[in-house]
Amino acid sequence: MTEKQLLKRIVVDPKIMLGKPVIKGTRLPVELIMEKLAYGETPEQLKKDYPFICQDDIQAALLYAAKRLAHEEIFAA
């Protein structure tokens, strides 16, 4: 799957979860997926806990987070 196809799996809509990025067609925030992975949950566990997502959704969340961080600006104090 291409980068563009993966990123289409993430939507930002002010009417859904107050505009937080979510997996398309769900109310599952990218933030939650990132947090669960950070605490050691595996993609297999995520798919078991949230059977409506697939591996491509998890990859899309990771890619979206990486793209957002790439454009983060750091200001010296």
Protein backbone atom coordinates (compact mmCIF):
# COMPACT_ATOMS: atom_id res chain seq x y z
CA MET A 1 0.00 0.00 0.00
CA THR A 2 1.35 3.44 -0.88
CA GLU A 3 1.90 6.30 1.55
CA LYS A 4 -1.00 8.20 0.00
CA GLN A 5 -3.34 5.19 0.34
CA LEU A 6 -2.34 4.70 3.98
CA LEU A 7 -2.87 8.34 4.87
CA LYS A 8 -6.37 8.23 3.35
CA ARG A 9 -7.25 5.81 6.16
CA ILE A 10 -6.90 8.67 8.68
CA VAL A 11 -9.56 11.38 8.86
CA VAL A 12 -9.77 14.65 10.75
CA ASP A 13 -13.34 15.90 11.10
CA PRO A 14 -14.44 18.42 13.74
CA LYS A 15 -17.67 16.43 14.10
CA ILE A 16 -15.80 13.25 15.09
CA MET A 17 -13.88 13.09 18.39
CA LEU A 18 -13.56 16.90 18.46
CA GLY A 19 -11.42 16.84 15.33
CA LYS A 20 -8.78 14.41 16.56
CA PRO A 21 -7.32 12.20 13.81
CA VAL A 22 -9.13 8.85 13.77
CA ILE A 23 -9.18 5.69 11.71
CA LYS A 24 -11.62 6.31 8.86
CA GLY A 25 -15.11 4.99 9.59
CA THR A 26 -14.42 4.70 13.33
CA ARG A 27 -14.07 6.83 16.42
CA LEU A 28 -10.71 5.25 17.26
CA PRO A 29 -8.12 8.03 17.64
CA VAL A 30 -4.61 7.70 16.24
CA GLU A 31 -3.45 8.94 19.65
CA LEU A 32 -4.88 5.86 21.37
CA ILE A 33 -3.20 3.49 18.94
CA MET A 34 0.14 5.24 19.48
CA GLU A 35 -0.23 5.13 23.25
CA LYS A 36 -1.12 1.44 23.32
CA LEU A 37 1.84 0.58 21.07
CA ALA A 38 4.13 2.72 23.27
CA TYR A 39 3.05 0.74 26.34
CA GLY A 40 3.92 -2.53 24.61
CA GLU A 41 0.66 -3.68 23.11
CA THR A 42 1.23 -5.58 19.88
CA PRO A 43 -0.60 -4.97 16.61
CA GLU A 44 -2.17 -8.40 17.07
CA GLN A 45 -3.53 -7.37 20.49
CA LEU A 46 -4.86 -4.11 19.03
CA LYS A 47 -6.69 -5.99 16.28
CA LYS A 48 -8.15 -8.35 18.88
CA ASP A 49 -9.27 -5.45 21.12
CA TYR A 50 -10.60 -3.45 18.15
CA PRO A 51 -11.73 -6.06 15.59
CA PHE A 52 -12.94 -3.34 13.23
CA ILE A 53 -9.34 -2.26 12.42
CA CYS A 54 -6.74 -4.02 10.30
CA GLN A 55 -2.96 -3.97 9.95
CA ASP A 56 -3.16 -1.21 7.34
CA ASP A 57 -5.02 0.99 9.84
CA ILE A 58 -2.25 0.52 12.40
CA GLN A 59 0.41 1.30 9.78
CA ALA A 60 -1.58 4.36 8.72
CA ALA A 61 -1.67 5.60 12.32
CA LEU A 62 2.09 5.15 12.66
CA LEU A 63 2.74 6.94 9.38
CA TYR A 64 0.38 9.79 10.27
CA ALA A 65 2.11 10.28 13.63
CA ALA A 66 5.55 10.23 12.00
CA LYS A 67 4.48 12.80 9.39
CA ARG A 68 3.06 15.11 12.07
CA LEU A 69 6.24 14.89 14.14
CA ALA A 70 8.38 15.61 11.08
CA HIS A 71 6.73 19.03 10.84
CA GLU A 72 6.91 19.84 14.55
CA GLU A 73 8.73 23.05 15.32
CA ILE A 74 10.98 23.39 18.34
CA PHE A 75 11.45 26.82 19.87
CA ALA A 76 14.36 27.53 22.22
CA ALA A 77 13.36 28.89 25.60
